[in-house]
Each structure stands twice: as C-alpha cells, then as structure tokens.
Protein backbone atom coordinates (compact mmCIF):
# COMPACT_ATOMS: atom_id res chain seq x y z
CA MET A 1 41.82 32.18 145.81
CA GLU A 2 40.89 35.81 145.51
CA ASP A 3 43.25 38.65 144.62
CA HIS A 4 42.98 41.51 147.11
CA GLY A 5 43.86 45.06 146.03
CA LYS A 6 45.35 43.94 142.71
CA ALA A 7 43.58 43.95 139.38
CA ARG A 8 44.01 40.91 137.20
CA GLU A 9 45.94 41.76 133.98
CA THR A 10 44.09 40.40 131.01
CA PRO A 11 46.03 39.01 127.99
CA TRP A 12 44.78 41.72 125.67
CA LYS A 13 46.07 44.44 128.00
CA SER A 14 49.49 42.80 128.07
CA GLU A 15 49.59 42.64 124.26
CA ALA A 16 48.45 46.24 124.00
CA ALA A 17 51.25 47.34 126.31
CA SER A 18 53.76 45.45 124.18
CA GLU A 19 52.42 47.08 121.04
CA LYS A 20 52.60 50.50 122.66
CA ASN A 21 56.20 49.99 123.75
CA GLY A 22 57.18 48.56 120.37
CA THR A 23 58.42 45.28 121.86
CA SER A 24 56.10 42.88 120.07
CA TYR A 25 57.55 40.30 117.73
CA PHE A 26 56.07 42.20 114.79
CA HIS A 27 57.83 45.41 115.82
CA GLN A 28 61.11 43.57 116.32
CA LEU A 29 60.90 42.13 112.81
CA LEU A 30 59.93 45.52 111.41
CA ASN A 31 62.84 47.30 113.11
CA ARG A 32 65.26 44.63 111.95
CA ARG A 33 63.98 44.97 108.39
CA ILE A 34 64.41 48.76 108.50
CA VAL A 35 68.02 48.42 109.67
CA MET A 36 68.83 45.80 107.02
CA SER A 37 67.22 47.89 104.28
CA ALA A 38 69.21 50.96 105.35
CA ARG A 39 72.43 48.97 105.20
CA GLU A 40 71.58 47.65 101.74
CA ASP A 41 70.77 51.19 100.54
CA VAL A 42 74.16 52.45 101.75
CA LYS A 43 75.88 49.52 100.06
CA CYS A 44 74.20 50.28 96.73
CA LEU A 45 74.94 54.00 96.77
CA LEU A 46 77.66 55.27 94.46
CA HIS A 47 80.96 56.49 95.89
CA ARG A 48 84.22 57.74 94.38
CA LEU A 49 87.78 57.13 95.60
CA ILE A 50 90.86 58.92 94.23
CA PHE A 51 94.37 58.02 95.35
CA VAL A 52 97.95 58.58 94.22
CA SER A 53 100.95 56.28 94.60
CA LYS A 54 104.46 55.46 93.52
CA LEU A 55 105.16 52.66 91.07
CA SER A 56 107.43 49.78 91.92
CA ALA A 57 110.77 49.97 90.08
CA ASP A 58 110.47 46.21 89.50
CA LEU A 59 107.35 46.64 87.37
CA ALA A 60 108.79 46.20 83.88
CA ASP A 61 105.47 46.42 82.03
CA LYS A 62 103.15 48.99 83.59
CA ARG A 63 100.17 47.40 81.87
CA GLY A 64 100.59 44.60 84.39
CA LEU A 65 99.24 46.89 87.12
CA GLY A 66 96.15 47.57 85.03
CA ASP A 67 95.58 43.83 84.62
CA TYR A 68 96.12 43.33 88.34
CA TRP A 69 93.48 45.85 89.37
CA GLU A 70 91.01 44.53 86.83
CA GLY A 71 91.38 41.07 88.36
CA GLN A 72 90.88 42.48 91.84
CA PHE A 73 87.68 44.27 90.80
CA GLN A 74 86.25 41.01 89.48
CA ARG A 75 86.87 39.49 92.90
CA TYR A 76 85.38 42.41 94.84
CA SER A 77 82.44 43.55 92.77
CA GLN A 78 80.22 40.43 92.55
CA GLY A 79 78.27 42.02 89.73
CA GLU A 80 78.55 45.62 90.92
CA ALA A 81 79.92 47.94 88.25
CA VAL A 82 83.35 49.48 88.78
CA THR A 83 84.22 52.50 86.65
CA GLY A 84 87.14 54.89 86.71
CA LEU A 85 90.58 55.67 85.34
CA LEU A 86 94.13 54.62 86.17
CA LEU A 87 96.89 56.90 84.84
CA LEU A 88 100.32 55.26 84.84
CA TYR A 89 103.30 57.63 84.77
CA PRO A 90 106.97 56.57 84.62
CA SER A 91 107.17 56.61 88.44
CA TYR A 92 103.68 57.43 89.75
CA THR A 93 99.99 56.63 89.42
CA ILE A 94 96.73 58.44 90.01
CA HIS A 95 93.65 56.25 90.24
CA VAL A 96 89.94 57.14 90.19
CA LEU A 97 87.39 54.49 91.19
CA GLU A 98 83.59 54.65 91.24
CA SER A 99 81.62 51.85 92.86
CA SER A 100 79.84 50.74 96.02
CA SER A 101 81.27 51.41 99.46
CA GLU A 102 82.00 47.70 99.87
CA VAL A 103 84.18 47.55 96.73
CA LEU A 104 86.10 50.72 97.62
CA TYR A 105 86.56 49.45 101.16
CA CYS A 106 88.16 46.29 99.71
CA VAL A 107 90.49 48.45 97.59
CA LEU A 108 91.60 50.39 100.67
CA HIS A 109 92.33 47.16 102.51
CA GLU A 110 94.30 45.89 99.51
CA LEU A 111 96.39 49.08 99.50
CA ALA A 112 97.01 48.65 103.23
CA ARG A 113 98.01 45.02 102.65
CA MET A 114 100.48 46.06 99.94
CA LYS A 115 102.30 48.22 102.46
CA LYS A 116 103.24 45.09 104.40
CA GLN A 117 104.94 43.72 101.27
CA GLY A 118 107.45 46.57 101.31
CA GLY A 119 109.39 47.10 98.08
CA ARG A 120 107.86 43.97 96.54
CA ALA A 121 104.45 45.63 96.22
CA LEU A 122 103.21 46.88 92.85
CA VAL A 123 101.98 50.12 94.45
CA LEU A 124 104.13 52.00 96.97
CA ASP A 125 103.32 54.73 99.53
CA PRO A 126 99.73 55.43 98.42
CA LYS A 127 97.94 58.54 99.66
CA ILE A 128 94.18 59.10 99.63
CA LEU A 129 93.37 62.25 97.69
CA VAL A 130 89.61 62.24 98.23
CA MET A 131 86.67 59.99 99.03
CA SER A 132 83.28 61.23 97.83
CA HIS A 133 80.07 59.65 99.08
CA ASN A 134 76.61 59.40 97.52
CA ILE A 135 77.65 60.91 94.20
CA PRO A 136 74.69 61.35 91.82
CA ASN A 137 76.34 60.15 88.59
CA ARG A 138 79.37 58.30 87.30
CA LEU A 139 82.12 60.33 85.70
CA PHE A 140 83.39 57.38 83.62
CA ASN A 141 81.41 54.82 81.61
CA GLN A 142 83.91 52.00 82.23
CA TRP A 143 87.14 51.29 84.07
CA CYS A 144 90.22 51.85 81.91
CA TYR A 145 93.90 52.72 82.18
CA LYS A 146 96.55 54.59 80.24
CA VAL A 147 100.35 54.32 80.27
CA LEU A 148 101.67 57.87 79.81
CA ASN A 149 105.04 58.43 78.21
CA VAL A 150 105.76 61.86 79.62
CA PRO A 151 109.25 63.36 80.03
CA GLY A 152 110.87 63.54 83.44
CA GLN A 153 110.90 66.78 85.43
CA HIS A 154 112.88 68.38 88.21
CA LEU A 155 110.09 67.50 90.58
CA ALA A 156 111.42 69.04 93.77
CA ASP A 157 111.89 72.55 92.40
CA LYS A 158 108.59 73.60 90.89
CA TYR A 159 106.18 72.61 93.65
CA ASN A 160 108.00 73.40 96.87
CA GLU A 161 106.07 76.62 97.45
CA SER A 162 102.78 75.54 95.89
CA SER A 163 99.80 75.12 98.17
CA THR A 164 98.44 71.62 98.60
CA ASP A 165 94.86 72.86 98.18
CA GLY A 166 95.73 74.43 94.83
CA ILE A 167 97.36 71.24 93.56
CA VAL A 168 94.45 69.08 94.74
CA THR A 169 92.02 71.42 92.96
CA GLU A 170 94.13 71.27 89.79
CA CYS A 171 94.18 67.47 89.83
CA LEU A 172 90.45 67.13 90.45
CA THR A 173 89.63 69.66 87.74
CA LYS A 174 91.74 67.82 85.17
CA LEU A 175 90.23 64.46 86.14
CA LEU A 176 86.74 65.87 85.68
CA GLN A 177 87.74 67.23 82.27
CA ILE A 178 89.29 63.88 81.30
CA GLY A 179 86.09 62.09 82.28
CA LYS A 180 84.03 64.46 80.16
CA HIS A 181 86.44 64.03 77.24
CA LEU A 182 86.27 60.22 77.42
CA THR A 183 82.47 60.27 77.10
CA LYS A 184 83.01 61.20 73.44
CA TYR A 185 84.44 57.73 72.84
CA PRO A 186 82.44 54.47 72.93
CA LYS A 187 83.27 51.72 75.38
CA GLY A 188 86.13 49.62 74.14
CA SER A 189 89.53 48.39 75.21
CA LYS A 190 90.54 48.83 78.83
CA ASN A 191 93.79 50.34 77.53
CA ILE A 192 93.05 53.85 76.24
CA PRO A 193 94.55 54.54 72.78
CA ASP A 194 97.34 57.12 72.47
CA SER A 195 95.20 59.27 70.17
CA VAL A 196 92.77 60.10 73.00
CA PHE A 197 95.31 62.11 75.00
CA GLU A 198 97.24 63.37 71.98
CA LYS A 199 94.25 65.60 71.22
CA VAL A 200 94.13 67.07 74.74
CA PRO A 201 97.67 67.04 76.19
CA GLU A 202 96.76 69.92 78.50
CA LEU A 203 94.54 67.56 80.52
CA ILE A 204 97.44 65.38 81.62
CA ILE A 205 98.19 65.98 85.31
CA PRO A 206 101.86 66.96 85.78
CA GLN A 207 104.07 64.39 87.47
CA GLY A 208 105.26 67.12 89.80
CA SER A 209 101.75 67.49 91.19
CA ILE A 210 101.59 63.81 92.11
CA HIS A 211 105.10 63.97 93.57
CA HIS A 212 104.02 66.87 95.78
CA LEU A 213 100.85 65.13 96.96
CA LEU A 214 102.73 61.97 97.89
CA ASN A 215 104.88 64.03 100.22
CA CYS A 216 101.96 65.87 101.85
CA LYS A 217 101.44 64.99 105.49
CA GLU A 218 97.89 66.32 105.24
CA LEU A 219 96.81 63.44 102.99
CA PRO A 220 96.11 60.15 104.80
CA THR A 221 97.55 56.75 103.99
CA PRO A 222 95.08 53.87 103.51
CA ASP A 223 95.81 52.69 107.06
CA GLN A 224 95.08 56.13 108.48
CA PHE A 225 91.95 56.44 106.38
CA LEU A 226 90.60 53.07 107.52
CA GLN A 227 91.38 53.85 111.13
CA SER A 228 89.54 57.18 110.90
CA TYR A 229 86.67 55.65 108.94
CA ASP A 230 86.11 52.93 111.54
CA SER A 231 86.39 55.37 114.43
CA PRO A 232 83.18 56.66 116.04
CA LEU A 233 84.70 60.12 116.20
CA ASN A 234 84.29 62.60 113.35
CA VAL A 235 87.71 63.83 112.28
CA LEU A 236 87.73 66.88 110.02
CA LEU A 237 90.72 67.06 107.67
CA ASP A 238 91.98 70.13 105.86
CA SER A 239 90.45 68.78 102.65
CA GLY A 240 86.99 69.15 104.17
CA HIS A 241 86.28 65.42 104.33
CA VAL A 242 84.59 64.30 107.52
CA PHE A 243 85.51 60.71 108.33
CA GLY A 244 82.80 58.72 110.09
CA SER A 245 80.05 61.17 109.19
CA ILE A 246 77.15 60.49 106.86
CA ASN A 247 77.21 64.12 105.69
CA GLN A 248 80.42 64.00 103.71
CA SER A 249 81.65 66.46 101.14
CA ARG A 250 81.22 65.56 97.50
CA VAL A 251 83.87 65.87 94.82
C-alpha cells in the first residue's frame, strides 16, 4: 500500500526530534542527575541556626540539657559535623548550631515537638533569632555548652524601651566574639571550663536581652518558621530573613 501526500518518518528523524526536544532517555537521566546533584549540594552546604528559649523549672541539673542535645545530634547528623555553642542561664538558653540544612531542620522539628509536651519539655517557648544559609566558614570548632552562674536581674525594667534590632545586633556581636575567643583553646570537653569566660566576662550576653527576645512578637516560633520555610511564598521579616528564598541574608 502506498502513502499518498504523507512522507514516511524514518527512525533516525524520530530520534533526532527526541534529542532536539530533550525527551530522549539519555536527557531524562541527565536531567534527573542534575536535580539530584543540586539537592545533594544544598544538603552539604553549611548553615547556622540561633535560637533562644526558657529552661524548664524541673531541670535540676542544667548539664542534662547539654547531654540531651548531644544525643540528638548523634541521631541527626549521620557523620555530618555539628558545631556551635549552648549557653545555659538560670532561666534561659541561647543556642548556636552550625551544620547541614537537614540537621538543622531536624532540630526545628524537635523544638516544635517539645511544644506539645507543655511544661514537661526541657526547652520552653523557643524563638528563632536567625537562620543563616550558605555560610563560608564555621564559627566554632566543636559543639560545646556552658552553665553560667550569673546573678538575677530586674528583667522587665531595663529592656522595655530597647529596640529589638539593637538587642539582636548585640547578641550576634557577642556570639561572634565568643566564637573567636574559643578558637584560642584546643578541642576538649563539651563542657567549657569556668576559666574561659572568667577572662572575658564582658562577652556574656545579659539575661535581660534573652528575656526581651523571648517576648518579641517579631521573632518566629519553630512552628511559624517551619510553616514559612515550607511555604512557596517568600515572606520578608523585619530581621531581613527571606523564608523560602535561596538568596537569604547571612549572619
């Protein structure tokens, strides 16, 4: 039977059209590989999370919280290094973590899970101070913690009229200075010796600053952060962090 008015499509023309349109099996494998490689690159990039929280009144030995987080990191990291600093005050904490996005994402989910435990949780009412993406270097050479025996303050009086931006800047500046100071000491115990901070007491972040930040409506809870992070919309907060965007501010 003859074909009238219709040219026969040869196999090589069909393959050429597929190649041109990028629909060949080779192109599909190549595109899939590119996507997987991009995801792996994002996973391996270094990120930094800083959050503040209240301490449970039932926590008799504050070192127990340090041991708890260390155990959690061993579960999350799967060989990925976790560095940072946990400062334990009489009633508050401020925690810096440096690791992959996957590890920090697990930490955020753990903080959100603790909220469901109510007063039984080790960490209460956490607020996210900052999340920095694609940071070039680690600030800390290991993860460690320090129980601070600082005197109590009249927390509500001093910081009522202080700007949140100023307090955030103060906290971040002191954390950067602490990180630089700790590089003078070799890796050792996870519990920082008293002598380290006795030499630089001015670097200790005031409890009043943490108290103020915990009461700031501008700072998101872990639940709010995760909701914004998973949202396709880009939400710009006062801190300058753009949730859901790949071009995020660095701190």
